[in-house]
Amino acid sequence: MITKQPHHVDVHVGGRVKQRRLLRGLSQEQLGTSLGLTFQQVQKYEKGTNRISSSRLWEIATILGVPISFFYEGLKEKANAAGFAEQSQDPFVSAASSTEGLKLNRYFIQITDAQVRHKVLELVKTLAKASQSATEKK
């Protein structure tokens, strides 16, 4: 028996749902409760294994406070002889979409003092340079 792989659009949309859910600080269970679903169903949506209907996507967008178009941002299709293929993801987008990147963004936007935000940026910049230097010396 051949197992069907999720469509790359479903995986992308599900990933964007997860990204926004985490940025809002919601668990899968909390989002599921708001939608009248189990957390397992939310998990399947986020992995792209279950396709999200247009009406359900509208509900999710409303709960997460974004337009429906948010879920399709960054989706790139490349036509080839076999049909559509997913393009490789930009490393910046990949890092920003990671759990750590989302947490960093969520906490950073909670800092209201401009001077503190600037100092945090300088700290991160210094740490990144030190990490890069250490990697180059190896």
N, C-alpha and C. Protein backbone atom coordinates (compact mmCIF):
# COMPACT_ATOMS: atom_id res chain seq x y z
N MET A 1 0.84 -1.18 0.00
CA MET A 1 0.00 0.00 0.00
C MET A 1 0.89 1.25 0.00
N ILE A 2 0.57 2.20 -0.84
CA ILE A 2 1.33 3.44 -0.95
C ILE A 2 0.69 4.48 -0.03
N THR A 3 1.53 5.07 0.82
CA THR A 3 1.05 6.13 1.71
C THR A 3 1.14 7.45 0.97
N LYS A 4 0.04 8.17 0.94
CA LYS A 4 0.00 9.45 0.24
C LYS A 4 0.62 10.53 1.12
N GLN A 5 1.54 11.28 0.54
CA GLN A 5 2.19 12.39 1.24
C GLN A 5 1.28 13.61 1.22
N PRO A 6 1.32 14.44 2.28
CA PRO A 6 0.51 15.66 2.28
C PRO A 6 0.94 16.60 1.15
N HIS A 7 0.00 17.33 0.60
CA HIS A 7 0.30 18.32 -0.44
C HIS A 7 1.12 19.44 0.17
N HIS A 8 2.10 19.95 -0.57
CA HIS A 8 2.99 20.97 -0.02
C HIS A 8 2.24 22.25 0.39
N VAL A 9 1.12 22.54 -0.26
CA VAL A 9 0.34 23.73 0.13
C VAL A 9 -0.29 23.49 1.51
N ASP A 10 -0.81 22.28 1.74
CA ASP A 10 -1.40 21.96 3.04
C ASP A 10 -0.35 22.03 4.15
N VAL A 11 0.86 21.56 3.85
CA VAL A 11 1.95 21.61 4.82
C VAL A 11 2.32 23.07 5.12
N HIS A 12 2.38 23.89 4.08
CA HIS A 12 2.72 25.31 4.27
C HIS A 12 1.65 26.03 5.09
N VAL A 13 0.39 25.85 4.72
CA VAL A 13 -0.71 26.50 5.44
C VAL A 13 -0.73 26.04 6.90
N GLY A 14 -0.57 24.74 7.12
CA GLY A 14 -0.53 24.22 8.48
C GLY A 14 0.62 24.78 9.28
N GLY A 15 1.77 24.93 8.64
CA GLY A 15 2.93 25.51 9.31
C GLY A 15 2.69 26.96 9.71
N ARG A 16 1.98 27.69 8.85
CA ARG A 16 1.67 29.09 9.16
C ARG A 16 0.65 29.17 10.31
N VAL A 17 -0.29 28.21 10.36
CA VAL A 17 -1.23 28.16 11.49
C VAL A 17 -0.43 27.96 12.78
N LYS A 18 0.50 27.01 12.77
CA LYS A 18 1.31 26.74 13.95
C LYS A 18 2.13 27.96 14.34
N GLN A 19 2.76 28.58 13.34
CA GLN A 19 3.58 29.76 13.60
C GLN A 19 2.77 30.86 14.29
N ARG A 20 1.60 31.15 13.76
CA ARG A 20 0.77 32.22 14.33
C ARG A 20 0.22 31.82 15.70
N ARG A 21 -0.15 30.54 15.86
CA ARG A 21 -0.66 30.06 17.14
C ARG A 21 0.41 30.25 18.22
N LEU A 22 1.64 29.85 17.91
CA LEU A 22 2.72 29.99 18.88
C LEU A 22 3.03 31.45 19.17
N LEU A 23 2.99 32.27 18.14
CA LEU A 23 3.25 33.70 18.33
C LEU A 23 2.20 34.33 19.24
N ARG A 24 0.98 33.83 19.18
CA ARG A 24 -0.10 34.32 20.05
C ARG A 24 -0.05 33.68 21.44
N GLY A 25 0.84 32.70 21.62
CA GLY A 25 0.98 32.05 22.93
C GLY A 25 -0.12 31.06 23.24
N LEU A 26 -0.72 30.47 22.21
CA LEU A 26 -1.80 29.50 22.40
C LEU A 26 -1.28 28.07 22.25
N SER A 27 -1.83 27.16 23.03
CA SER A 27 -1.52 25.75 22.86
C SER A 27 -2.44 25.17 21.79
N GLN A 28 -2.11 23.98 21.31
CA GLN A 28 -2.99 23.30 20.36
C GLN A 28 -4.35 23.05 21.01
N GLU A 29 -4.34 22.73 22.27
CA GLU A 29 -5.59 22.47 22.99
C GLU A 29 -6.46 23.73 23.06
N GLN A 30 -5.85 24.87 23.33
CA GLN A 30 -6.61 26.13 23.41
C GLN A 30 -7.21 26.48 22.05
N LEU A 31 -6.43 26.36 20.99
CA LEU A 31 -6.97 26.64 19.66
C LEU A 31 -8.07 25.65 19.32
N GLY A 32 -7.83 24.39 19.63
CA GLY A 32 -8.84 23.36 19.37
C GLY A 32 -10.15 23.63 20.09
N THR A 33 -10.06 24.02 21.34
CA THR A 33 -11.27 24.35 22.11
C THR A 33 -12.03 25.49 21.47
N SER A 34 -11.31 26.52 21.02
CA SER A 34 -11.95 27.66 20.36
C SER A 34 -12.66 27.25 19.07
N LEU A 35 -12.13 26.21 18.43
CA LEU A 35 -12.69 25.73 17.16
C LEU A 35 -13.69 24.58 17.36
N GLY A 36 -13.79 24.07 18.59
CA GLY A 36 -14.64 22.92 18.84
C GLY A 36 -14.01 21.63 18.34
N LEU A 37 -12.67 21.57 18.40
CA LEU A 37 -11.92 20.41 17.92
C LEU A 37 -11.01 19.88 19.01
N THR A 38 -10.48 18.69 18.80
CA THR A 38 -9.47 18.16 19.71
C THR A 38 -8.11 18.73 19.34
N PHE A 39 -7.17 18.67 20.28
CA PHE A 39 -5.82 19.14 19.96
C PHE A 39 -5.18 18.26 18.90
N GLN A 40 -5.61 16.98 18.84
CA GLN A 40 -5.06 16.08 17.82
C GLN A 40 -5.44 16.55 16.42
N GLN A 41 -6.66 17.06 16.26
CA GLN A 41 -7.08 17.56 14.95
C GLN A 41 -6.28 18.80 14.57
N VAL A 42 -6.05 19.68 15.54
CA VAL A 42 -5.23 20.87 15.28
C VAL A 42 -3.83 20.43 14.86
N GLN A 43 -3.30 19.43 15.54
CA GLN A 43 -1.97 18.90 15.22
C GLN A 43 -1.93 18.38 13.77
N LYS A 44 -2.97 17.68 13.35
CA LYS A 44 -3.04 17.17 11.97
C LYS A 44 -3.12 18.31 10.97
N TYR A 45 -3.86 19.37 11.30
CA TYR A 45 -3.91 20.55 10.44
C TYR A 45 -2.52 21.16 10.31
N GLU A 46 -1.84 21.31 11.44
CA GLU A 46 -0.54 21.97 11.44
C GLU A 46 0.52 21.17 10.68
N LYS A 47 0.41 19.87 10.68
CA LYS A 47 1.36 19.03 9.95
C LYS A 47 0.98 18.90 8.47
N GLY A 48 -0.24 19.30 8.14
CA GLY A 48 -0.69 19.19 6.76
C GLY A 48 -1.24 17.83 6.41
N THR A 49 -1.37 16.94 7.40
CA THR A 49 -1.89 15.60 7.12
C THR A 49 -3.40 15.63 6.91
N ASN A 50 -4.08 16.58 7.51
CA ASN A 50 -5.50 16.82 7.24
C ASN A 50 -5.64 18.20 6.61
N ARG A 51 -6.36 18.27 5.53
CA ARG A 51 -6.56 19.53 4.81
C ARG A 51 -7.57 20.40 5.57
N ILE A 52 -7.29 21.70 5.63
CA ILE A 52 -8.18 22.65 6.31
C ILE A 52 -9.18 23.19 5.30
N SER A 53 -10.47 23.06 5.60
CA SER A 53 -11.50 23.59 4.70
C SER A 53 -11.47 25.11 4.72
N SER A 54 -12.06 25.71 3.71
CA SER A 54 -12.06 27.18 3.64
C SER A 54 -12.81 27.80 4.82
N SER A 55 -13.92 27.20 5.22
CA SER A 55 -14.67 27.76 6.35
C SER A 55 -13.89 27.62 7.66
N ARG A 56 -13.19 26.50 7.82
CA ARG A 56 -12.38 26.30 9.03
C ARG A 56 -11.18 27.26 9.02
N LEU A 57 -10.59 27.48 7.86
CA LEU A 57 -9.46 28.42 7.77
C LEU A 57 -9.91 29.83 8.12
N TRP A 58 -11.13 30.17 7.72
CA TRP A 58 -11.68 31.48 8.08
C TRP A 58 -11.81 31.60 9.60
N GLU A 59 -12.31 30.53 10.24
CA GLU A 59 -12.44 30.53 11.71
C GLU A 59 -11.07 30.68 12.38
N ILE A 60 -10.10 29.94 11.87
CA ILE A 60 -8.75 29.99 12.44
C ILE A 60 -8.17 31.39 12.29
N ALA A 61 -8.34 31.98 11.11
CA ALA A 61 -7.84 33.34 10.86
C ALA A 61 -8.47 34.33 11.83
N THR A 62 -9.76 34.19 12.06
CA THR A 62 -10.47 35.08 12.98
C THR A 62 -9.93 34.95 14.40
N ILE A 63 -9.75 33.72 14.85
CA ILE A 63 -9.25 33.47 16.21
C ILE A 63 -7.82 33.97 16.37
N LEU A 64 -7.00 33.78 15.34
CA LEU A 64 -5.59 34.16 15.42
C LEU A 64 -5.34 35.62 15.03
N GLY A 65 -6.40 36.30 14.60
CA GLY A 65 -6.30 37.73 14.30
C GLY A 65 -5.48 38.08 13.07
N VAL A 66 -5.61 37.27 12.03
CA VAL A 66 -4.90 37.54 10.78
C VAL A 66 -5.86 37.37 9.60
N PRO A 67 -5.54 37.99 8.46
CA PRO A 67 -6.35 37.73 7.26
C PRO A 67 -6.03 36.33 6.73
N ILE A 68 -6.93 35.75 6.00
CA ILE A 68 -6.70 34.41 5.43
C ILE A 68 -5.44 34.38 4.58
N SER A 69 -5.15 35.48 3.92
CA SER A 69 -3.96 35.53 3.06
C SER A 69 -2.66 35.28 3.84
N PHE A 70 -2.67 35.52 5.15
CA PHE A 70 -1.49 35.28 5.98
C PHE A 70 -0.98 33.85 5.81
N PHE A 71 -1.90 32.91 5.73
CA PHE A 71 -1.52 31.50 5.70
C PHE A 71 -0.85 31.10 4.38
N TYR A 72 -1.03 31.91 3.36
CA TYR A 72 -0.44 31.62 2.05
C TYR A 72 0.82 32.43 1.78
N GLU A 73 1.14 33.39 2.65
CA GLU A 73 2.34 34.21 2.46
C GLU A 73 3.57 33.32 2.46
N GLY A 74 4.48 33.61 1.54
CA GLY A 74 5.72 32.85 1.46
C GLY A 74 5.61 31.56 0.68
N LEU A 75 4.42 31.24 0.21
CA LEU A 75 4.22 30.02 -0.57
C LEU A 75 4.70 30.27 -1.98
N LYS A 76 5.62 29.46 -2.41
CA LYS A 76 6.15 29.62 -3.76
C LYS A 76 5.96 28.31 -4.50
N GLU A 77 5.50 28.44 -5.70
CA GLU A 77 5.35 27.26 -6.54
C GLU A 77 6.28 27.40 -7.73
N LYS A 78 6.86 26.32 -8.09
CA LYS A 78 7.77 26.31 -9.23
C LYS A 78 7.28 25.23 -10.18
N ALA A 79 6.91 25.65 -11.35
CA ALA A 79 6.43 24.68 -12.33
C ALA A 79 7.60 23.87 -12.87
N ASN A 80 7.38 22.58 -12.99
CA ASN A 80 8.36 21.73 -13.65
C ASN A 80 7.61 20.70 -14.48
N ALA A 81 8.32 19.83 -15.12
CA ALA A 81 7.68 18.87 -16.01
C ALA A 81 6.70 17.97 -15.28
N ALA A 82 6.97 17.69 -14.02
CA ALA A 82 6.11 16.79 -13.26
C ALA A 82 4.96 17.51 -12.58
N GLY A 83 4.91 18.81 -12.64
CA GLY A 83 3.86 19.57 -11.96
C GLY A 83 4.48 20.64 -11.09
N PHE A 84 3.97 20.79 -9.88
CA PHE A 84 4.46 21.82 -8.97
C PHE A 84 5.38 21.18 -7.93
N ALA A 85 6.42 21.90 -7.61
CA ALA A 85 7.35 21.45 -6.59
C ALA A 85 7.62 22.59 -5.62
N GLU A 86 7.89 22.22 -4.40
CA GLU A 86 8.17 23.22 -3.37
C GLU A 86 9.60 23.73 -3.52
N GLN A 87 9.79 25.03 -3.41
CA GLN A 87 11.13 25.59 -3.44
C GLN A 87 11.73 25.48 -2.04
N SER A 88 13.06 25.44 -2.00
CA SER A 88 13.71 25.36 -0.69
C SER A 88 13.44 26.64 0.09
N GLN A 89 13.33 26.48 1.40
CA GLN A 89 12.98 27.61 2.25
C GLN A 89 14.21 28.45 2.58
N ASP A 90 14.04 29.73 2.62
CA ASP A 90 15.07 30.69 2.99
C ASP A 90 15.51 30.39 4.43
N PRO A 91 16.83 30.35 4.71
CA PRO A 91 17.31 30.07 6.07
C PRO A 91 16.78 31.06 7.11
N PHE A 92 16.61 32.33 6.72
CA PHE A 92 16.07 33.32 7.65
C PHE A 92 14.64 32.97 8.03
N VAL A 93 13.83 32.62 7.03
CA VAL A 93 12.43 32.25 7.28
C VAL A 93 12.39 31.01 8.15
N SER A 94 13.27 30.06 7.87
CA SER A 94 13.33 28.83 8.64
C SER A 94 13.65 29.12 10.11
N ALA A 95 14.65 29.97 10.35
CA ALA A 95 15.03 30.31 11.73
C ALA A 95 13.93 31.09 12.43
N ALA A 96 13.33 32.05 11.74
CA ALA A 96 12.26 32.86 12.33
C ALA A 96 11.03 32.03 12.62
N SER A 97 10.83 30.94 11.87
CA SER A 97 9.66 30.08 12.05
C SER A 97 9.90 28.98 13.07
N SER A 98 11.14 28.82 13.51
CA SER A 98 11.44 27.78 14.49
C SER A 98 10.79 28.12 15.83
N THR A 99 10.71 27.15 16.70
CA THR A 99 10.13 27.38 18.02
C THR A 99 10.90 28.47 18.76
N GLU A 100 12.24 28.41 18.69
CA GLU A 100 13.05 29.41 19.37
C GLU A 100 12.85 30.79 18.76
N GLY A 101 12.80 30.85 17.43
CA GLY A 101 12.59 32.13 16.75
C GLY A 101 11.26 32.76 17.10
N LEU A 102 10.22 31.92 17.16
CA LEU A 102 8.89 32.43 17.50
C LEU A 102 8.85 32.93 18.94
N LYS A 103 9.49 32.18 19.85
CA LYS A 103 9.53 32.62 21.25
C LYS A 103 10.30 33.93 21.37
N LEU A 104 11.43 34.03 20.68
CA LEU A 104 12.23 35.25 20.73
C LEU A 104 11.41 36.44 20.25
N ASN A 105 10.70 36.27 19.15
CA ASN A 105 9.85 37.35 18.62
C ASN A 105 8.72 37.70 19.59
N ARG A 106 8.08 36.67 20.13
CA ARG A 106 6.95 36.91 21.04
C ARG A 106 7.39 37.71 22.27
N TYR A 107 8.54 37.33 22.84
CA TYR A 107 9.01 38.04 24.03
C TYR A 107 9.56 39.41 23.67
N PHE A 108 10.22 39.53 22.53
CA PHE A 108 10.80 40.81 22.13
C PHE A 108 9.72 41.87 21.94
N ILE A 109 8.60 41.50 21.31
CA ILE A 109 7.56 42.51 21.07
C ILE A 109 6.87 42.95 22.36
N GLN A 110 7.09 42.20 23.44
CA GLN A 110 6.52 42.60 24.73
C GLN A 110 7.37 43.66 25.43
N ILE A 111 8.57 43.89 24.94
CA ILE A 111 9.45 44.92 25.52
C ILE A 111 9.01 46.27 24.95
N THR A 112 8.52 47.14 25.81
CA THR A 112 7.98 48.42 25.33
C THR A 112 9.01 49.55 25.36
N ASP A 113 10.04 49.41 26.17
CA ASP A 113 11.07 50.45 26.29
C ASP A 113 12.03 50.34 25.10
N ALA A 114 12.12 51.40 24.30
CA ALA A 114 12.96 51.41 23.09
C ALA A 114 14.43 51.19 23.41
N GLN A 115 14.90 51.74 24.53
CA GLN A 115 16.31 51.56 24.90
C GLN A 115 16.60 50.11 25.26
N VAL A 116 15.68 49.48 25.96
CA VAL A 116 15.86 48.07 26.32
C VAL A 116 15.85 47.21 25.06
N ARG A 117 14.94 47.51 24.13
CA ARG A 117 14.89 46.76 22.87
C ARG A 117 16.22 46.90 22.12
N HIS A 118 16.75 48.10 22.09
CA HIS A 118 18.03 48.34 21.42
C HIS A 118 19.15 47.53 22.08
N LYS A 119 19.17 47.50 23.41
CA LYS A 119 20.20 46.75 24.13
C LYS A 119 20.06 45.24 23.87
N VAL A 120 18.84 44.75 23.78
CA VAL A 120 18.62 43.34 23.46
C VAL A 120 19.17 43.03 22.07
N LEU A 121 18.91 43.91 21.11
CA LEU A 121 19.43 43.71 19.75
C LEU A 121 20.95 43.70 19.74
N GLU A 122 21.55 44.62 20.48
CA GLU A 122 23.02 44.67 20.55
C GLU A 122 23.57 43.39 21.19
N LEU A 123 22.91 42.90 22.23
CA LEU A 123 23.33 41.67 22.88
C LEU A 123 23.28 40.49 21.90
N VAL A 124 22.18 40.37 21.19
CA VAL A 124 22.02 39.27 20.23
C VAL A 124 23.08 39.39 19.13
N LYS A 125 23.33 40.59 18.66
CA LYS A 125 24.35 40.83 17.63
C LYS A 125 25.73 40.40 18.13
N THR A 126 26.07 40.77 19.36
CA THR A 126 27.36 40.41 19.95
C THR A 126 27.48 38.89 20.10
N LEU A 127 26.43 38.25 20.58
CA LEU A 127 26.45 36.79 20.74
C LEU A 127 26.59 36.09 19.39
N ALA A 128 25.91 36.60 18.37
CA ALA A 128 25.99 36.00 17.03
C ALA A 128 27.41 36.10 16.48
N LYS A 129 28.04 37.27 16.66
CA LYS A 129 29.42 37.45 16.19
C LYS A 129 30.38 36.52 16.93
N ALA A 130 30.21 36.40 18.25
CA ALA A 130 31.07 35.52 19.04
C ALA A 130 30.89 34.06 18.61
N SER A 131 29.66 33.67 18.35
CA SER A 131 29.38 32.31 17.90
C SER A 131 30.01 32.04 16.54
N GLN A 132 29.89 33.01 15.65
CA GLN A 132 30.46 32.87 14.31
C GLN A 132 31.99 32.78 14.38
N SER A 133 32.61 33.61 15.22
CA SER A 133 34.07 33.57 15.38
C SER A 133 34.53 32.23 15.93
N ALA A 134 33.80 31.71 16.91
CA ALA A 134 34.15 30.41 17.50
C ALA A 134 34.02 29.30 16.46
N THR A 135 33.02 29.37 15.62
CA THR A 135 32.82 28.36 14.58
C THR A 135 33.94 28.42 13.55
N GLU A 136 34.36 29.62 13.18
CA GLU A 136 35.42 29.79 12.18
C GLU A 136 36.77 29.31 12.69
N LYS A 137 37.01 29.36 13.99
CA LYS A 137 38.29 28.93 14.57
C LYS A 137 38.42 27.42 14.64
N LYS A 138 37.31 26.71 14.53
CA LYS A 138 37.34 25.24 14.63
C LYS A 138 37.90 24.60 13.41
